[in-house]
C-alpha atoms as a PDB file:
ATOM      1  CA  MET A   1      70.695 -88.894  15.916  1.00  0.00           C
ATOM      2  CA  GLY A   2      72.822 -92.009  15.831  1.00  0.00           C
ATOM      3  CA  TRP A   3      76.171 -92.611  17.308  1.00  0.00           C
ATOM      4  CA  ARG A   4      77.884 -92.082  13.982  1.00  0.00           C
ATOM      5  CA  SER A   5      76.383 -88.618  13.415  1.00  0.00           C
ATOM      6  CA  SER A   6      77.010 -87.765  17.105  1.00  0.00           C
ATOM      7  CA  ALA A   7      80.600 -88.711  16.754  1.00  0.00           C
ATOM      8  CA  LEU A   8      80.982 -86.755  13.629  1.00  0.00           C
ATOM      9  CA  LEU A   9      79.336 -83.640  15.259  1.00  0.00           C
ATOM     10  CA  ALA A  10      81.847 -83.968  18.195  1.00  0.00           C
ATOM     11  CA  TRP A  11      84.702 -84.175  15.762  1.00  0.00           C
ATOM     12  CA  ARG A  12      83.485 -81.169  13.935  1.00  0.00           C
ATOM     13  CA  LEU A  13      83.252 -79.131  17.150  1.00  0.00           C
ATOM     14  CA  THR A  14      86.783 -79.893  18.102  1.00  0.00           C
ATOM     15  CA  GLY A  15      87.922 -76.548  16.622  1.00  0.00           C
ATOM     16  CA  ILE A  16      85.371 -74.651  18.837  1.00  0.00           C
ATOM     17  CA  GLY A  17      86.474 -76.736  21.758  1.00  0.00           C
ATOM     18  CA  ALA A  18      90.114 -75.897  21.230  1.00  0.00           C
ATOM     19  CA  ALA A  19      89.274 -72.119  20.988  1.00  0.00           C
ATOM     20  CA  VAL A  20      87.263 -72.265  24.208  1.00  0.00           C
ATOM     21  CA  LEU A  21      89.856 -74.365  25.969  1.00  0.00           C
ATOM     22  CA  ALA A  22      92.604 -71.917  25.099  1.00  0.00           C
ATOM     23  CA  TRP A  23      90.804 -69.043  26.743  1.00  0.00           C
ATOM     24  CA  ILE A  24      90.117 -71.258  29.824  1.00  0.00           C
ATOM     25  CA  VAL A  25      93.803 -72.212  30.119  1.00  0.00           C
ATOM     26  CA  ILE A  26      94.853 -68.511  29.842  1.00  0.00           C
ATOM     27  CA  ALA A  27      92.373 -67.401  32.461  1.00  0.00           C
ATOM     28  CA  LEU A  28      93.267 -70.211  34.856  1.00  0.00           C
ATOM     29  CA  ALA A  29      97.064 -69.541  34.521  1.00  0.00           C
ATOM     30  CA  ALA A  30      96.478 -65.757  34.884  1.00  0.00           C
ATOM     31  CA  ARG A  31      94.479 -66.481  38.093  1.00  0.00           C
ATOM     32  CA  ARG A  32      97.379 -68.456  39.465  1.00  0.00           C
ATOM     33  CA  ASN A  33      99.769 -65.686  38.627  1.00  0.00           C
ATOM     34  CA  PRO A  34      98.502 -62.389  40.062  1.00  0.00           C
ATOM     35  CA  TRP A  35     101.584 -60.613  39.014  1.00  0.00           C
ATOM     36  CA  PHE A  36     100.679 -61.162  35.320  1.00  0.00           C
ATOM     37  CA  ASP A  37      99.755 -57.905  33.585  1.00  0.00           C
ATOM     38  CA  VAL A  38      98.269 -58.190  30.124  1.00  0.00           C
ATOM     39  CA  PHE A  39      99.647 -54.748  29.349  1.00  0.00           C
ATOM     40  CA  ARG A  40     103.203 -55.645  30.104  1.00  0.00           C
ATOM     41  CA  HIS A  41     103.805 -59.319  29.688  1.00  0.00           C
ATOM     42  CA  ALA A  42     103.543 -62.101  27.040  1.00  0.00           C
ATOM     43  CA  LEU A  43     100.991 -64.923  27.541  1.00  0.00           C
ATOM     44  CA  SER A  44     103.933 -67.376  27.519  1.00  0.00           C
ATOM     45  CA  ASP A  45     105.127 -65.741  30.756  1.00  0.00           C
ATOM     46  CA  LEU A  46     102.248 -67.742  32.362  1.00  0.00           C
ATOM     47  CA  GLY A  47     104.169 -70.904  31.507  1.00  0.00           C
ATOM     48  CA  GLY A  48     107.752 -69.618  31.919  1.00  0.00           C
ATOM     49  CA  PRO A  49     110.251 -70.176  34.835  1.00  0.00           C
ATOM     50  CA  GLY A  50     108.796 -67.306  36.894  1.00  0.00           C
ATOM     51  CA  ALA A  51     105.351 -68.530  36.825  1.00  0.00           C
ATOM     52  CA  THR A  52     103.352 -70.243  39.765  1.00  0.00           C
ATOM     53  CA  ASP A  53     102.228 -73.648  38.462  1.00  0.00           C
ATOM     54  CA  PRO A  54     103.574 -73.126  34.891  1.00  0.00           C
ATOM     55  CA  TRP A  55     102.161 -76.720  34.083  1.00  0.00           C
ATOM     56  CA  VAL A  56      98.663 -75.241  34.114  1.00  0.00           C
ATOM     57  CA  TYR A  57      99.474 -73.090  30.986  1.00  0.00           C
ATOM     58  CA  ASN A  58     101.935 -75.509  29.285  1.00  0.00           C
ATOM     59  CA  VAL A  59      99.818 -78.640  29.653  1.00  0.00           C
ATOM     60  CA  GLY A  60      96.734 -76.731  28.783  1.00  0.00           C
ATOM     61  CA  LEU A  61      98.355 -75.607  25.554  1.00  0.00           C
ATOM     62  CA  MET A  62      99.442 -79.218  24.830  1.00  0.00           C
ATOM     63  CA  VAL A  63      95.855 -80.415  25.148  1.00  0.00           C
ATOM     64  CA  THR A  64      94.533 -77.487  23.197  1.00  0.00           C
ATOM     65  CA  GLY A  65      97.145 -78.121  20.370  1.00  0.00           C
ATOM     66  CA  ALA A  66      96.159 -81.730  20.206  1.00  0.00           C
ATOM     67  CA  LEU A  67      92.532 -80.751  19.924  1.00  0.00           C
ATOM     68  CA  ALA A  68      93.368 -78.334  17.166  1.00  0.00           C
ATOM     69  CA  SER A  69      95.297 -80.987  15.256  1.00  0.00           C
ATOM     70  CA  VAL A  70      92.192 -83.318  15.536  1.00  0.00           C
ATOM     71  CA  TYR A  71      90.182 -80.480  14.165  1.00  0.00           C
ATOM     72  CA  GLY A  72      92.611 -80.173  11.227  1.00  0.00           C
ATOM     73  CA  LEU A  73      91.828 -83.909  10.511  1.00  0.00           C
ATOM     74  CA  TYR A  74      88.235 -83.140  10.560  1.00  0.00           C
ATOM     75  CA  LEU A  75      88.620 -80.301   8.078  1.00  0.00           C
ATOM     76  CA  ALA A  76      90.602 -82.740   5.833  1.00  0.00           C
ATOM     77  CA  TYR A  77      87.818 -85.406   6.071  1.00  0.00           C
ATOM     78  CA  ALA A  78      85.145 -82.744   5.254  1.00  0.00           C
ATOM     79  CA  SER A  79      87.013 -80.743   2.620  1.00  0.00           C
ATOM     80  CA  GLU A  80      85.511 -80.501  -0.812  1.00  0.00           C
ATOM     81  CA  SER A  81      88.564 -79.181  -2.655  1.00  0.00           C
ATOM     82  CA  LYS A  82      92.251 -79.457  -2.812  1.00  0.00           C
ATOM     83  CA  PRO A  83      92.804 -75.848  -1.442  1.00  0.00           C
ATOM     84  CA  LEU A  84      90.550 -76.690   1.520  1.00  0.00           C
ATOM     85  CA  THR A  85      92.462 -79.911   2.125  1.00  0.00           C
ATOM     86  CA  TYR A  86      95.599 -77.816   1.934  1.00  0.00           C
ATOM     87  CA  ALA A  87      94.105 -75.467   4.502  1.00  0.00           C
ATOM     88  CA  SER A  88      93.315 -78.202   6.851  1.00  0.00           C
ATOM     89  CA  ALA A  89      96.867 -79.428   6.754  1.00  0.00           C
ATOM     90  CA  PHE A  90      98.051 -76.010   7.888  1.00  0.00           C
ATOM     91  CA  VAL A  91      95.637 -76.272  10.843  1.00  0.00           C
ATOM     92  CA  PHE A  92      96.843 -79.760  11.760  1.00  0.00           C
ATOM     93  CA  VAL A  93     100.402 -78.478  11.689  1.00  0.00           C
ATOM     94  CA  ALA A  94      99.562 -75.379  13.689  1.00  0.00           C
ATOM     95  CA  GLY A  95      98.092 -77.650  16.397  1.00  0.00           C
ATOM     96  CA  ILE A  96     101.468 -79.537  16.610  1.00  0.00           C
ATOM     97  CA  PHE A  97     103.111 -76.093  17.035  1.00  0.00           C
ATOM     98  CA  LEU A  98     100.687 -75.051  19.648  1.00  0.00           C
ATOM     99  CA  THR A  99     101.597 -78.285  21.523  1.00  0.00           C
ATOM    100  CA  LEU A 100     105.209 -77.478  21.062  1.00  0.00           C
ATOM    101  CA  ILE A 101     104.674 -74.117  22.666  1.00  0.00           C
ATOM    102  CA  GLY A 102     103.693 -75.973  25.900  1.00  0.00           C
ATOM    103  CA  ALA A 103     106.592 -78.405  25.466  1.00  0.00           C
ATOM    104  CA  PHE A 104     109.065 -75.491  24.955  1.00  0.00           C
ATOM    105  CA  PRO A 105     107.898 -72.845  27.358  1.00  0.00           C
ATOM    106  CA  SER A 106     109.124 -69.270  27.725  1.00  0.00           C
ATOM    107  CA  GLY A 107     112.726 -69.280  28.481  1.00  0.00           C
ATOM    108  CA  THR A 108     113.636 -72.347  26.344  1.00  0.00           C
ATOM    109  CA  ARG A 109     115.585 -71.862  23.107  1.00  0.00           C
ATOM    110  CA  PRO A 110     113.040 -73.070  20.627  1.00  0.00           C
ATOM    111  CA  HIS A 111     110.075 -71.134  22.253  1.00  0.00           C
ATOM    112  CA  VAL A 112     110.063 -67.964  20.051  1.00  0.00           C
ATOM    113  CA  PHE A 113     110.378 -70.096  16.898  1.00  0.00           C
ATOM    114  CA  VAL A 114     107.408 -72.498  17.826  1.00  0.00           C
ATOM    115  CA  SER A 115     105.204 -69.710  19.035  1.00  0.00           C
ATOM    116  CA  THR A 116     105.710 -67.650  15.975  1.00  0.00           C
ATOM    117  CA  TRP A 117     105.262 -70.479  13.581  1.00  0.00           C
ATOM    118  CA  PHE A 118     101.964 -71.381  15.277  1.00  0.00           C
ATOM    119  CA  PHE A 119     100.545 -67.945  14.226  1.00  0.00           C
ATOM    120  CA  VAL A 120     102.194 -68.291  10.720  1.00  0.00           C
ATOM    121  CA  GLN A 121     100.646 -71.708  10.187  1.00  0.00           C
ATOM    122  CA  MET A 122      97.208 -70.480  11.093  1.00  0.00           C
ATOM    123  CA  TRP A 123      97.557 -67.465   8.807  1.00  0.00           C
ATOM    124  CA  MET A 124      98.523 -69.738   5.962  1.00  0.00           C
ATOM    125  CA  ALA A 125      95.461 -71.934   6.802  1.00  0.00           C
ATOM    126  CA  MET A 126      93.333 -68.843   6.480  1.00  0.00           C
ATOM    127  CA  VAL A 127      94.922 -67.832   3.103  1.00  0.00           C
ATOM    128  CA  ALA A 128      94.440 -71.293   1.611  1.00  0.00           C
ATOM    129  CA  ALA A 129      90.895 -71.538   3.028  1.00  0.00           C
ATOM    130  CA  ALA A 130      90.043 -68.078   1.466  1.00  0.00           C
ATOM    131  CA  ALA A 131      91.416 -69.284  -1.926  1.00  0.00           C
ATOM    132  CA  GLY A 132      89.539 -72.501  -1.651  1.00  0.00           C
ATOM    133  CA  PHE A 133      86.171 -70.814  -0.917  1.00  0.00           C
ATOM    134  CA  LEU A 134      86.691 -68.198  -3.535  1.00  0.00           C
ATOM    135  CA  ALA A 135      87.555 -70.712  -6.179  1.00  0.00           C
ATOM    136  CA  ARG A 136      84.191 -72.553  -5.407  1.00  0.00           C
ATOM    137  CA  ARG A 137      82.486 -69.135  -5.887  1.00  0.00           C
ATOM    138  CA  GLU A 138      81.475 -68.932  -2.255  1.00  0.00           C
ATOM    139  CA  LEU A 139      82.362 -65.367  -2.185  1.00  0.00           C
ATOM    140  CA  ALA A 140      80.918 -64.504   1.261  1.00  0.00           C
ATOM    141  CA  THR A 141      83.028 -67.039   3.160  1.00  0.00           C
ATOM    142  CA  GLY A 142      86.051 -66.592   0.855  1.00  0.00           C
ATOM    143  CA  GLY A 143      85.903 -62.851   0.957  1.00  0.00           C
ATOM    144  CA  LEU A 144      85.560 -62.793   4.731  1.00  0.00           C
ATOM    145  CA  LEU A 145      88.570 -65.054   5.108  1.00  0.00           C
ATOM    146  CA  LEU A 146      90.607 -63.062   2.716  1.00  0.00           C
ATOM    147  CA  ALA A 147      89.683 -59.876   4.632  1.00  0.00           C
ATOM    148  CA  LEU A 148      90.758 -61.533   7.927  1.00  0.00           C
ATOM    149  CA  SER A 149      94.080 -62.839   6.298  1.00  0.00           C
ATOM    150  CA  VAL A 150      94.949 -59.179   5.379  1.00  0.00           C
ATOM    151  CA  VAL A 151      93.616 -57.508   8.490  1.00  0.00           C
ATOM    152  CA  GLY A 152      95.300 -59.934  10.807  1.00  0.00           C
ATOM    153  CA  PRO A 153      98.877 -59.315   9.819  1.00  0.00           C
ATOM    154  CA  ALA A 154      98.219 -55.605   9.023  1.00  0.00           C
ATOM    155  CA  GLY A 155      96.851 -55.061  12.523  1.00  0.00           C
ATOM    156  CA  ALA A 156      99.836 -57.085  14.010  1.00  0.00           C
ATOM    157  CA  LEU A 157     102.338 -54.956  12.106  1.00  0.00           C
ATOM    158  CA  LEU A 158     100.777 -51.570  12.072  1.00  0.00           C
ATOM    159  CA  VAL A 159      99.353 -51.187  15.419  1.00  0.00           C
ATOM    160  CA  ARG A 160     101.746 -50.216  18.225  1.00  0.00           C
ATOM    161  CA  TRP A 161     100.762 -52.982  20.806  1.00  0.00           C
ATOM    162  CA  PRO A 162     101.606 -52.110  24.490  1.00  0.00           C
ATOM    163  CA  SER A 163     102.520 -55.796  25.157  1.00  0.00           C
ATOM    164  CA  VAL A 164     103.163 -58.970  23.428  1.00  0.00           C
ATOM    165  CA  ALA A 165     100.171 -60.435  25.388  1.00  0.00           C
ATOM    166  CA  LEU A 166      97.767 -58.019  23.738  1.00  0.00           C
ATOM    167  CA  LEU A 167      99.216 -58.816  20.286  1.00  0.00           C
ATOM    168  CA  GLU A 168      98.740 -62.548  21.013  1.00  0.00           C
ATOM    169  CA  ILE A 169      95.193 -61.960  22.159  1.00  0.00           C
ATOM    170  CA  TYR A 170      94.590 -60.150  18.848  1.00  0.00           C
ATOM    171  CA  GLY A 171      96.078 -63.018  16.862  1.00  0.00           C
ATOM    172  CA  ILE A 172      94.027 -65.551  18.913  1.00  0.00           C
ATOM    173  CA  ALA A 173      90.752 -63.591  18.309  1.00  0.00           C
ATOM    174  CA  ILE A 174      91.526 -63.680  14.444  1.00  0.00           C
ATOM    175  CA  ILE A 175      92.265 -67.416  14.689  1.00  0.00           C
ATOM    176  CA  ASP A 176      88.924 -67.883  16.553  1.00  0.00           C
ATOM    177  CA  ALA A 177      87.145 -66.129  13.748  1.00  0.00           C
ATOM    178  CA  LEU A 178      88.763 -68.559  11.310  1.00  0.00           C
ATOM    179  CA  VAL A 179      87.600 -71.583  13.435  1.00  0.00           C
ATOM    180  CA  VAL A 180      84.009 -70.224  13.739  1.00  0.00           C
ATOM    181  CA  LEU A 181      83.756 -69.657  10.037  1.00  0.00           C
ATOM    182  CA  MET A 182      85.173 -73.024   9.082  1.00  0.00           C
ATOM    183  CA  THR A 183      82.906 -74.804  11.566  1.00  0.00           C
ATOM    184  CA  LEU A 184      79.845 -72.964  10.411  1.00  0.00           C
ATOM    185  CA  ARG A 185      80.701 -73.789   6.814  1.00  0.00           C
ATOM    186  CA  TYR A 186      81.249 -77.407   7.282  1.00  0.00           C
END
């Protein structure tokens, strides 16, 4: 494998890297904050004013967001249709909003907007990717992404979540499924 194909593979895997890094950041921040209870808090509390070493969570999200944006660029590079390129743009912008969650942690005025918009952008990426694959007659990938784009918001709205953290974990798991599917497909 030459350096060019190695670099392309590394670029392709930035989405998986971002997903893994997000879980590592959450785990490290939770370990630094033994008061944190996944059944009572929001994940963003790990980066808020009451957190021990909030920089672990906030800087971690900024790095994860940067990786997610780089992954969006890879998806644009590898896209084979306009709807898939459109989906990649949503992933890129979602990475920017993930970075902004770290820049505007819990307790700051823009926090709720940037954190909500991160999830909305990823959902729009999922819908656009589903449309792109269905238009290309790739029914398995498109159908699975379409199902996730319905199940994700339905579960968020219909399930009575005991905490914001559990709702966020559910959303992250749906996003991770998107990233795995897109990485496997490309």
